[in-house]
Amino acid sequence: MNKAAKLIEQLLLLRCQIGDKDAFAALIERYERPLRYFINRLLDNSELTEDIFQDTWLTVIRRIHGLREIDAFPAWLYRIARNKVYQQLRKKRNVSGLDENIAVEDNAEDDVFSPEDAAKVHRGLKELPLEYREVLMLRFLEQMSYQQISQVLNCKLGTVRSRLYYAKIALKKELEK
């Protein structure tokens, strides 16, 4: 995000914190498409996506006044959405968690994907386990830093690196099928 866009978003968020309804509408519009996509890919159920999307924004509206670090908004928003998705999934089945203490060193630079590769990734994401889908989407589609992803997932930085490493391997296997 360039400096001007970042400044505009910060002003928008400050307006939201004081209760400006137009600012909320603009904020929702700004994040609508990527957040819906994120939720839908985690759930793989378009019917529930809308409910969770709306529930996420209701939570944001109720709690935004308490957000102290304006720059943390994207990670905060996606964490709320992720929590709502996991709550929904727990109602339907037990979600097996990953060991949060696993750490794998991944010193390689992030892979660069072409537009053609990106289209393949979108198709392949559906076949991956939930934990892999979310970390790949946050990193490559939402372009979040490892630190932001660790905030969304509520895990250590090493765990983010580990999940990305294994998710890339799983995606590669899926794309090679």
N, C-alpha and C. Protein backbone atom coordinates (compact mmCIF):
# COMPACT_ATOMS: atom_id res chain seq x y z
N MET A 1 0.86 -1.17 0.00
CA MET A 1 0.00 0.00 0.00
C MET A 1 0.91 1.23 0.00
N ASN A 2 0.65 2.17 -0.90
CA ASN A 2 1.49 3.36 -0.96
C ASN A 2 1.15 4.31 0.19
N LYS A 3 1.98 5.33 0.36
CA LYS A 3 1.82 6.23 1.51
C LYS A 3 0.49 6.98 1.48
N ALA A 4 0.06 7.42 0.31
CA ALA A 4 -1.20 8.16 0.21
C ALA A 4 -2.38 7.26 0.59
N ALA A 5 -2.40 6.04 0.08
CA ALA A 5 -3.48 5.10 0.39
C ALA A 5 -3.49 4.76 1.88
N LYS A 6 -2.29 4.61 2.44
CA LYS A 6 -2.18 4.31 3.86
C LYS A 6 -2.72 5.46 4.71
N LEU A 7 -2.39 6.68 4.33
CA LEU A 7 -2.87 7.85 5.05
C LEU A 7 -4.39 7.98 4.94
N ILE A 8 -4.92 7.73 3.75
CA ILE A 8 -6.37 7.79 3.56
C ILE A 8 -7.06 6.76 4.45
N GLU A 9 -6.48 5.54 4.50
CA GLU A 9 -7.08 4.50 5.34
C GLU A 9 -7.01 4.88 6.82
N GLN A 10 -5.90 5.46 7.24
CA GLN A 10 -5.78 5.87 8.64
C GLN A 10 -6.82 6.93 9.00
N LEU A 11 -7.03 7.89 8.11
CA LEU A 11 -8.05 8.92 8.36
C LEU A 11 -9.45 8.30 8.39
N LEU A 12 -9.67 7.37 7.48
CA LEU A 12 -10.95 6.68 7.43
C LEU A 12 -11.21 5.92 8.75
N LEU A 13 -10.18 5.26 9.24
CA LEU A 13 -10.32 4.52 10.49
C LEU A 13 -10.54 5.44 11.69
N LEU A 14 -9.86 6.57 11.71
CA LEU A 14 -10.08 7.54 12.78
C LEU A 14 -11.52 8.06 12.75
N ARG A 15 -12.03 8.30 11.56
CA ARG A 15 -13.43 8.74 11.43
C ARG A 15 -14.38 7.65 11.93
N CYS A 16 -14.03 6.40 11.63
CA CYS A 16 -14.86 5.28 12.11
C CYS A 16 -14.86 5.22 13.63
N GLN A 17 -13.73 5.49 14.22
CA GLN A 17 -13.62 5.42 15.68
C GLN A 17 -14.48 6.46 16.38
N ILE A 18 -14.79 7.54 15.69
CA ILE A 18 -15.66 8.55 16.31
C ILE A 18 -17.12 8.38 15.87
N GLY A 19 -17.40 7.29 15.13
CA GLY A 19 -18.78 6.97 14.80
C GLY A 19 -19.30 7.49 13.48
N ASP A 20 -18.45 7.87 12.57
CA ASP A 20 -18.85 8.37 11.26
C ASP A 20 -19.38 7.22 10.40
N LYS A 21 -20.70 7.23 10.14
CA LYS A 21 -21.32 6.14 9.39
C LYS A 21 -20.85 6.08 7.94
N ASP A 22 -20.60 7.22 7.34
CA ASP A 22 -20.09 7.23 5.97
C ASP A 22 -18.71 6.61 5.89
N ALA A 23 -17.90 6.82 6.91
CA ALA A 23 -16.57 6.23 6.95
C ALA A 23 -16.67 4.71 7.09
N PHE A 24 -17.62 4.22 7.88
CA PHE A 24 -17.82 2.78 7.99
C PHE A 24 -18.20 2.19 6.64
N ALA A 25 -19.11 2.85 5.95
CA ALA A 25 -19.53 2.37 4.64
C ALA A 25 -18.34 2.32 3.67
N ALA A 26 -17.51 3.33 3.71
CA ALA A 26 -16.33 3.36 2.84
C ALA A 26 -15.33 2.27 3.22
N LEU A 27 -15.18 2.03 4.50
CA LEU A 27 -14.26 0.99 4.97
C LEU A 27 -14.75 -0.39 4.55
N ILE A 28 -16.02 -0.62 4.71
CA ILE A 28 -16.60 -1.91 4.30
C ILE A 28 -16.42 -2.10 2.80
N GLU A 29 -16.68 -1.06 2.04
CA GLU A 29 -16.51 -1.14 0.58
C GLU A 29 -15.06 -1.44 0.21
N ARG A 30 -14.14 -0.85 0.92
CA ARG A 30 -12.71 -1.02 0.65
C ARG A 30 -12.26 -2.47 0.87
N TYR A 31 -12.81 -3.12 1.89
CA TYR A 31 -12.39 -4.49 2.24
C TYR A 31 -13.38 -5.56 1.81
N GLU A 32 -14.48 -5.18 1.22
CA GLU A 32 -15.53 -6.14 0.93
C GLU A 32 -15.06 -7.32 0.08
N ARG A 33 -14.51 -7.06 -1.05
CA ARG A 33 -14.14 -8.14 -1.97
C ARG A 33 -13.06 -9.06 -1.39
N PRO A 34 -11.92 -8.53 -0.91
CA PRO A 34 -10.90 -9.46 -0.40
C PRO A 34 -11.34 -10.21 0.87
N LEU A 35 -12.12 -9.56 1.72
CA LEU A 35 -12.56 -10.24 2.94
C LEU A 35 -13.57 -11.34 2.62
N ARG A 36 -14.49 -11.07 1.72
CA ARG A 36 -15.44 -12.10 1.31
C ARG A 36 -14.71 -13.30 0.71
N TYR A 37 -13.73 -13.02 -0.12
CA TYR A 37 -12.96 -14.09 -0.75
C TYR A 37 -12.25 -14.93 0.31
N PHE A 38 -11.63 -14.26 1.26
CA PHE A 38 -10.93 -14.95 2.34
C PHE A 38 -11.88 -15.86 3.11
N ILE A 39 -13.01 -15.33 3.51
CA ILE A 39 -14.00 -16.10 4.27
C ILE A 39 -14.52 -17.27 3.44
N ASN A 40 -14.86 -17.00 2.19
CA ASN A 40 -15.43 -18.03 1.32
C ASN A 40 -14.43 -19.16 1.08
N ARG A 41 -13.17 -18.83 0.91
CA ARG A 41 -12.16 -19.87 0.68
C ARG A 41 -11.93 -20.71 1.94
N LEU A 42 -12.03 -20.10 3.10
CA LEU A 42 -11.87 -20.88 4.33
C LEU A 42 -13.05 -21.80 4.55
N LEU A 43 -14.24 -21.29 4.28
CA LEU A 43 -15.46 -22.07 4.52
C LEU A 43 -15.81 -22.99 3.38
N ASP A 44 -15.57 -22.53 2.17
CA ASP A 44 -16.01 -23.22 0.96
C ASP A 44 -17.52 -23.41 0.99
N ASN A 45 -18.22 -22.37 1.45
CA ASN A 45 -19.68 -22.41 1.54
C ASN A 45 -20.18 -20.98 1.38
N SER A 46 -20.67 -20.65 0.18
CA SER A 46 -21.06 -19.27 -0.10
C SER A 46 -22.25 -18.82 0.73
N GLU A 47 -23.08 -19.75 1.16
CA GLU A 47 -24.23 -19.40 1.98
C GLU A 47 -23.80 -18.87 3.35
N LEU A 48 -22.83 -19.51 3.95
CA LEU A 48 -22.33 -19.07 5.26
C LEU A 48 -21.41 -17.87 5.15
N THR A 49 -20.79 -17.67 4.00
CA THR A 49 -19.86 -16.56 3.80
C THR A 49 -20.54 -15.23 4.12
N GLU A 50 -21.72 -15.04 3.62
CA GLU A 50 -22.43 -13.77 3.83
C GLU A 50 -22.73 -13.54 5.30
N ASP A 51 -23.16 -14.58 6.01
CA ASP A 51 -23.45 -14.45 7.43
C ASP A 51 -22.20 -14.07 8.22
N ILE A 52 -21.10 -14.75 7.93
CA ILE A 52 -19.86 -14.48 8.66
C ILE A 52 -19.30 -13.11 8.27
N PHE A 53 -19.43 -12.75 7.01
CA PHE A 53 -18.99 -11.42 6.56
C PHE A 53 -19.73 -10.34 7.36
N GLN A 54 -21.03 -10.45 7.45
CA GLN A 54 -21.83 -9.45 8.18
C GLN A 54 -21.51 -9.48 9.67
N ASP A 55 -21.37 -10.66 10.23
CA ASP A 55 -21.05 -10.79 11.65
C ASP A 55 -19.68 -10.19 11.96
N THR A 56 -18.75 -10.36 11.04
CA THR A 56 -17.41 -9.77 11.21
C THR A 56 -17.53 -8.26 11.29
N TRP A 57 -18.28 -7.66 10.39
CA TRP A 57 -18.40 -6.19 10.38
C TRP A 57 -19.18 -5.68 11.59
N LEU A 58 -20.13 -6.45 12.08
CA LEU A 58 -20.82 -6.04 13.30
C LEU A 58 -19.85 -5.99 14.47
N THR A 59 -18.98 -6.98 14.54
CA THR A 59 -17.95 -7.00 15.59
C THR A 59 -17.00 -5.82 15.44
N VAL A 60 -16.60 -5.54 14.21
CA VAL A 60 -15.70 -4.40 13.95
C VAL A 60 -16.36 -3.10 14.40
N ILE A 61 -17.61 -2.91 14.04
CA ILE A 61 -18.32 -1.68 14.40
C ILE A 61 -18.42 -1.52 15.91
N ARG A 62 -18.67 -2.64 16.60
CA ARG A 62 -18.79 -2.58 18.06
C ARG A 62 -17.45 -2.32 18.75
N ARG A 63 -16.36 -2.79 18.16
CA ARG A 63 -15.07 -2.75 18.85
C ARG A 63 -14.04 -1.78 18.27
N ILE A 64 -14.34 -1.11 17.18
CA ILE A 64 -13.31 -0.30 16.52
C ILE A 64 -12.83 0.86 17.39
N HIS A 65 -13.68 1.33 18.25
CA HIS A 65 -13.26 2.45 19.12
C HIS A 65 -12.11 2.06 20.04
N GLY A 66 -11.96 0.75 20.29
CA GLY A 66 -10.89 0.27 21.16
C GLY A 66 -9.60 -0.07 20.42
N LEU A 67 -9.60 0.03 19.11
CA LEU A 67 -8.40 -0.28 18.33
C LEU A 67 -7.38 0.82 18.54
N ARG A 68 -6.27 0.49 19.14
CA ARG A 68 -5.25 1.49 19.49
C ARG A 68 -4.24 1.71 18.38
N GLU A 69 -3.89 0.66 17.66
CA GLU A 69 -2.91 0.77 16.59
C GLU A 69 -3.64 0.74 15.25
N ILE A 70 -3.82 1.89 14.65
CA ILE A 70 -4.55 2.01 13.40
C ILE A 70 -3.90 1.17 12.31
N ASP A 71 -2.57 1.10 12.30
CA ASP A 71 -1.87 0.31 11.27
C ASP A 71 -2.15 -1.18 11.38
N ALA A 72 -2.62 -1.62 12.52
CA ALA A 72 -2.91 -3.04 12.74
C ALA A 72 -4.30 -3.44 12.26
N PHE A 73 -5.04 -2.51 11.69
CA PHE A 73 -6.42 -2.80 11.30
C PHE A 73 -6.58 -4.00 10.39
N PRO A 74 -5.81 -4.12 9.28
CA PRO A 74 -6.03 -5.29 8.41
C PRO A 74 -5.85 -6.62 9.15
N ALA A 75 -4.81 -6.73 9.94
CA ALA A 75 -4.58 -7.98 10.69
C ALA A 75 -5.72 -8.20 11.69
N TRP A 76 -6.16 -7.15 12.34
CA TRP A 76 -7.25 -7.22 13.31
C TRP A 76 -8.55 -7.68 12.62
N LEU A 77 -8.85 -7.09 11.48
CA LEU A 77 -10.05 -7.44 10.72
C LEU A 77 -10.04 -8.91 10.30
N TYR A 78 -8.93 -9.34 9.74
CA TYR A 78 -8.84 -10.72 9.27
C TYR A 78 -8.83 -11.71 10.44
N ARG A 79 -8.31 -11.30 11.56
CA ARG A 79 -8.34 -12.17 12.75
C ARG A 79 -9.79 -12.35 13.22
N ILE A 80 -10.54 -11.29 13.22
CA ILE A 80 -11.96 -11.39 13.61
C ILE A 80 -12.69 -12.34 12.66
N ALA A 81 -12.48 -12.15 11.35
CA ALA A 81 -13.13 -13.01 10.36
C ALA A 81 -12.72 -14.47 10.54
N ARG A 82 -11.43 -14.69 10.75
CA ARG A 82 -10.91 -16.05 10.94
C ARG A 82 -11.55 -16.69 12.16
N ASN A 83 -11.64 -15.95 13.25
CA ASN A 83 -12.26 -16.48 14.46
C ASN A 83 -13.72 -16.85 14.22
N LYS A 84 -14.43 -16.02 13.48
CA LYS A 84 -15.83 -16.32 13.16
C LYS A 84 -15.94 -17.59 12.32
N VAL A 85 -15.04 -17.76 11.36
CA VAL A 85 -15.05 -18.96 10.52
C VAL A 85 -14.80 -20.19 11.39
N TYR A 86 -13.79 -20.12 12.25
CA TYR A 86 -13.48 -21.28 13.10
C TYR A 86 -14.62 -21.59 14.06
N GLN A 87 -15.30 -20.58 14.56
CA GLN A 87 -16.45 -20.82 15.42
C GLN A 87 -17.51 -21.61 14.65
N GLN A 88 -17.73 -21.21 13.42
CA GLN A 88 -18.72 -21.88 12.58
C GLN A 88 -18.30 -23.32 12.29
N LEU A 89 -17.03 -23.50 11.98
CA LEU A 89 -16.54 -24.85 11.68
C LEU A 89 -16.61 -25.76 12.91
N ARG A 90 -16.36 -25.21 14.08
CA ARG A 90 -16.44 -26.01 15.31
C ARG A 90 -17.86 -26.49 15.56
N LYS A 91 -18.82 -25.69 15.16
CA LYS A 91 -20.21 -26.12 15.31
C LYS A 91 -20.50 -27.34 14.46
N LYS A 92 -19.86 -27.42 13.30
CA LYS A 92 -20.13 -28.51 12.37
C LYS A 92 -19.26 -29.73 12.61
N ARG A 93 -18.01 -29.49 13.01
CA ARG A 93 -17.09 -30.61 13.24
C ARG A 93 -15.92 -30.11 14.07
N ASN A 94 -15.17 -31.01 14.60
CA ASN A 94 -13.98 -30.63 15.34
C ASN A 94 -12.89 -30.27 14.35
N VAL A 95 -12.31 -29.10 14.52
CA VAL A 95 -11.22 -28.68 13.67
C VAL A 95 -9.94 -29.09 14.34
N SER A 96 -9.17 -29.90 13.67
CA SER A 96 -7.91 -30.32 14.27
C SER A 96 -6.90 -29.20 14.15
N GLY A 97 -6.27 -28.88 15.25
CA GLY A 97 -5.30 -27.80 15.26
C GLY A 97 -3.91 -28.30 14.92
N LEU A 98 -3.09 -27.41 14.47
CA LEU A 98 -1.70 -27.73 14.21
C LEU A 98 -0.90 -27.45 15.46
N ASP A 99 0.23 -28.09 15.58
CA ASP A 99 1.12 -27.85 16.70
C ASP A 99 1.75 -26.47 16.51
N GLU A 100 1.41 -25.55 17.38
CA GLU A 100 1.86 -24.16 17.26
C GLU A 100 3.34 -24.00 17.57
N ASN A 101 3.98 -25.00 18.10
CA ASN A 101 5.37 -24.88 18.49
C ASN A 101 6.34 -25.37 17.42
N ILE A 102 5.80 -25.88 16.31
CA ILE A 102 6.66 -26.34 15.23
C ILE A 102 7.29 -25.12 14.58
N ALA A 103 8.57 -25.19 14.34
CA ALA A 103 9.26 -24.10 13.66
C ALA A 103 10.19 -24.68 12.62
N VAL A 104 10.11 -24.18 11.42
CA VAL A 104 10.97 -24.62 10.35
C VAL A 104 11.61 -23.38 9.76
N GLU A 105 12.91 -23.44 9.58
CA GLU A 105 13.61 -22.31 8.99
C GLU A 105 13.35 -22.29 7.50
N ASP A 106 12.88 -21.18 7.00
CA ASP A 106 12.64 -21.00 5.57
C ASP A 106 13.30 -19.70 5.19
N ASN A 107 14.56 -19.78 4.84
CA ASN A 107 15.32 -18.58 4.54
C ASN A 107 15.18 -18.15 3.09
N ALA A 108 14.53 -18.97 2.29
CA ALA A 108 14.36 -18.60 0.88
C ALA A 108 13.40 -17.44 0.76
N GLU A 109 13.61 -16.65 -0.24
CA GLU A 109 12.70 -15.53 -0.51
C GLU A 109 11.35 -16.09 -0.93
N ASP A 110 10.30 -15.31 -0.73
CA ASP A 110 8.97 -15.74 -1.15
C ASP A 110 8.95 -15.93 -2.65
N ASP A 111 8.27 -17.00 -3.06
CA ASP A 111 8.15 -17.26 -4.49
C ASP A 111 7.33 -16.16 -5.16
N VAL A 112 7.66 -15.87 -6.39
CA VAL A 112 6.92 -14.87 -7.17
C VAL A 112 6.04 -15.63 -8.14
N PHE A 113 4.76 -15.31 -8.17
CA PHE A 113 3.81 -15.99 -9.04
C PHE A 113 3.40 -15.09 -10.18
N SER A 114 3.33 -15.67 -11.36
CA SER A 114 2.84 -14.94 -12.53
C SER A 114 1.31 -14.94 -12.50
N PRO A 115 0.67 -14.14 -13.35
CA PRO A 115 -0.80 -14.16 -13.39
C PRO A 115 -1.37 -15.55 -13.70
N GLU A 116 -0.69 -16.29 -14.57
CA GLU A 116 -1.16 -17.65 -14.88
C GLU A 116 -1.05 -18.55 -13.67
N ASP A 117 0.07 -18.41 -12.96
CA ASP A 117 0.25 -19.20 -11.74
C ASP A 117 -0.79 -18.83 -10.69
N ALA A 118 -1.11 -17.56 -10.62
CA ALA A 118 -2.11 -17.11 -9.64
C ALA A 118 -3.46 -17.75 -9.91
N ALA A 119 -3.83 -17.88 -11.17
CA ALA A 119 -5.11 -18.52 -11.50
C ALA A 119 -5.09 -19.99 -11.08
N LYS A 120 -3.96 -20.67 -11.26
CA LYS A 120 -3.84 -22.06 -10.83
C LYS A 120 -3.92 -22.15 -9.31
N VAL A 121 -3.30 -21.20 -8.64
CA VAL A 121 -3.32 -21.19 -7.17
C VAL A 121 -4.75 -21.06 -6.66
N HIS A 122 -5.52 -20.18 -7.26
CA HIS A 122 -6.92 -20.00 -6.84
C HIS A 122 -7.68 -21.32 -6.95
N ARG A 123 -7.44 -22.05 -8.03
CA ARG A 123 -8.13 -23.34 -8.19
C ARG A 123 -7.60 -24.37 -7.19
N GLY A 124 -6.29 -24.36 -6.97
CA GLY A 124 -5.69 -25.33 -6.08
C GLY A 124 -5.98 -25.10 -4.61
N LEU A 125 -6.25 -23.85 -4.23
CA LEU A 125 -6.51 -23.53 -2.82
C LEU A 125 -7.66 -24.34 -2.25
N LYS A 126 -8.65 -24.58 -3.08
CA LYS A 126 -9.84 -25.28 -2.61
C LYS A 126 -9.53 -26.68 -2.10
N GLU A 127 -8.48 -27.28 -2.63
CA GLU A 127 -8.14 -28.66 -2.27
C GLU A 127 -7.24 -28.77 -1.04
N LEU A 128 -6.71 -27.66 -0.56
CA LEU A 128 -5.78 -27.69 0.57
C LEU A 128 -6.50 -27.69 1.91
N PRO A 129 -5.84 -28.20 2.95
CA PRO A 129 -6.41 -28.10 4.30
C PRO A 129 -6.58 -26.63 4.70
N LEU A 130 -7.52 -26.38 5.55
CA LEU A 130 -7.86 -25.03 5.97
C LEU A 130 -6.66 -24.23 6.46
N GLU A 131 -5.81 -24.83 7.27
CA GLU A 131 -4.67 -24.12 7.83
C GLU A 131 -3.72 -23.64 6.75
N TYR A 132 -3.59 -24.41 5.68
CA TYR A 132 -2.72 -24.03 4.58
C TYR A 132 -3.37 -22.96 3.71
N ARG A 133 -4.66 -23.12 3.45
CA ARG A 133 -5.37 -22.13 2.64
C ARG A 133 -5.26 -20.74 3.24
N GLU A 134 -5.53 -20.64 4.54
CA GLU A 134 -5.57 -19.32 5.16
C GLU A 134 -4.20 -18.65 5.15
N VAL A 135 -3.13 -19.38 5.43
CA VAL A 135 -1.81 -18.76 5.48
C VAL A 135 -1.37 -18.33 4.08
N LEU A 136 -1.68 -19.14 3.07
CA LEU A 136 -1.33 -18.76 1.70
C LEU A 136 -2.12 -17.53 1.23
N MET A 137 -3.41 -17.49 1.56
CA MET A 137 -4.22 -16.35 1.15
C MET A 137 -3.76 -15.07 1.84
N LEU A 138 -3.47 -15.15 3.12
CA LEU A 138 -3.02 -13.96 3.83
C LEU A 138 -1.70 -13.44 3.28
N ARG A 139 -0.79 -14.35 2.95
CA ARG A 139 0.53 -13.93 2.47
C ARG A 139 0.50 -13.45 1.03
N PHE A 140 -0.09 -14.23 0.15
CA PHE A 140 0.03 -13.94 -1.27
C PHE A 140 -1.15 -13.15 -1.85
N LEU A 141 -2.34 -13.33 -1.33
CA LEU A 141 -3.47 -12.59 -1.86
C LEU A 141 -3.68 -11.27 -1.11
N GLU A 142 -3.52 -11.31 0.20
CA GLU A 142 -3.69 -10.09 1.00
C GLU A 142 -2.38 -9.36 1.21
N GLN A 143 -1.28 -9.97 0.83
CA GLN A 143 0.06 -9.40 0.91
C GLN A 143 0.41 -8.93 2.33
N MET A 144 0.03 -9.73 3.29
CA MET A 144 0.35 -9.41 4.68
C MET A 144 1.78 -9.84 4.99
N SER A 145 2.41 -9.13 5.89
CA SER A 145 3.75 -9.51 6.35
C SER A 145 3.62 -10.73 7.26
N TYR A 146 4.76 -11.37 7.53
CA TYR A 146 4.75 -12.51 8.43
C TYR A 146 4.24 -12.08 9.81
N GLN A 147 4.62 -10.90 10.23
CA GLN A 147 4.19 -10.38 11.54
C GLN A 147 2.67 -10.21 11.58
N GLN A 148 2.10 -9.64 10.52
CA GLN A 148 0.65 -9.47 10.47
C GLN A 148 -0.05 -10.82 10.47
N ILE A 149 0.49 -11.77 9.72
CA ILE A 149 -0.11 -13.11 9.69
C ILE A 149 -0.07 -13.74 11.08
N SER A 150 1.05 -13.56 11.78
CA SER A 150 1.14 -14.13 13.13
C SER A 150 0.10 -13.50 14.05
N GLN A 151 -0.23 -12.24 13.83
CA GLN A 151 -1.28 -11.58 14.62
C GLN A 151 -2.65 -12.15 14.27
N VAL A 152 -2.91 -12.36 12.98
CA VAL A 152 -4.20 -12.92 12.56
C VAL A 152 -4.37 -14.33 13.11
N LEU A 153 -3.32 -15.14 13.00
CA LEU A 153 -3.41 -16.54 13.41
C LEU A 153 -3.15 -16.76 14.89
N ASN A 154 -2.69 -15.72 15.57
CA ASN A 154 -2.35 -15.80 16.99
C ASN A 154 -1.33 -16.90 17.25
N CYS A 155 -0.24 -16.83 16.51
CA CYS A 155 0.82 -17.82 16.66
C CYS A 155 2.18 -17.13 16.50
N LYS A 156 3.23 -17.89 16.75
CA LYS A 156 4.58 -17.35 16.68
C LYS A 156 5.00 -17.16 15.22
N LEU A 157 5.97 -16.29 15.02
CA LEU A 157 6.51 -16.01 13.70
C LEU A 157 7.07 -17.28 13.06
N GLY A 158 7.74 -18.09 13.84
CA GLY A 158 8.27 -19.36 13.33
C GLY A 158 7.18 -20.30 12.84
N THR A 159 6.04 -20.26 13.50
CA THR A 159 4.91 -21.09 13.08
C THR A 159 4.38 -20.62 11.74
N VAL A 160 4.35 -19.29 11.54
CA VAL A 160 3.91 -18.75 10.25
C VAL A 160 4.84 -19.24 9.15
N ARG A 161 6.14 -19.15 9.41
CA ARG A 161 7.12 -19.61 8.41
C ARG A 161 6.92 -21.11 8.12
N SER A 162 6.71 -21.88 9.18
CA SER A 162 6.51 -23.32 9.03
C SER A 162 5.27 -23.61 8.20
N ARG A 163 4.17 -22.97 8.54
CA ARG A 163 2.93 -23.21 7.80
C ARG A 163 3.08 -22.81 6.34
N LEU A 164 3.73 -21.69 6.10
CA LEU A 164 3.94 -21.27 4.71
C LEU A 164 4.79 -22.29 3.96
N TYR A 165 5.82 -22.76 4.59
CA TYR A 165 6.69 -23.75 3.98
C TYR A 165 5.90 -25.00 3.58
N TYR A 166 5.17 -25.56 4.52
CA TYR A 166 4.40 -26.77 4.25
C TYR A 166 3.22 -26.50 3.31
N ALA A 167 2.63 -25.33 3.40
CA ALA A 167 1.53 -24.98 2.51
C ALA A 167 2.01 -24.87 1.07
N LYS A 168 3.20 -24.30 0.88
CA LYS A 168 3.76 -24.21 -0.47
C LYS A 168 4.01 -25.59 -1.05
N ILE A 169 4.53 -26.49 -0.22
CA ILE A 169 4.77 -27.87 -0.67
C ILE A 169 3.45 -28.54 -1.04
N ALA A 170 2.45 -28.38 -0.19
CA ALA A 170 1.14 -28.98 -0.45
C ALA A 170 0.51 -28.40 -1.71
N LEU A 171 0.63 -27.11 -1.89
CA LEU A 171 0.07 -26.47 -3.08
C LEU A 171 0.82 -26.95 -4.33
N LYS A 172 2.12 -27.05 -4.23
CA LYS A 172 2.90 -27.53 -5.38
C LYS A 172 2.46 -28.92 -5.77
N LYS A 173 2.27 -29.80 -4.79
CA LYS A 173 1.81 -31.16 -5.07
C LYS A 173 0.44 -31.13 -5.71
N GLU A 174 -0.42 -30.27 -5.20
CA GLU A 174 -1.78 -30.16 -5.73
C GLU A 174 -1.77 -29.66 -7.18
N LEU A 175 -0.90 -28.71 -7.47
CA LEU A 175 -0.83 -28.14 -8.81
C LEU A 175 -0.18 -29.10 -9.80
N GLU A 176 0.64 -30.01 -9.30
CA GLU A 176 1.28 -30.99 -10.18
C GLU A 176 0.35 -32.15 -10.55
N LYS A 177 -0.77 -32.28 -9.88
CA LYS A 177 -1.72 -33.36 -10.17
C LYS A 177 -2.30 -33.18 -11.56
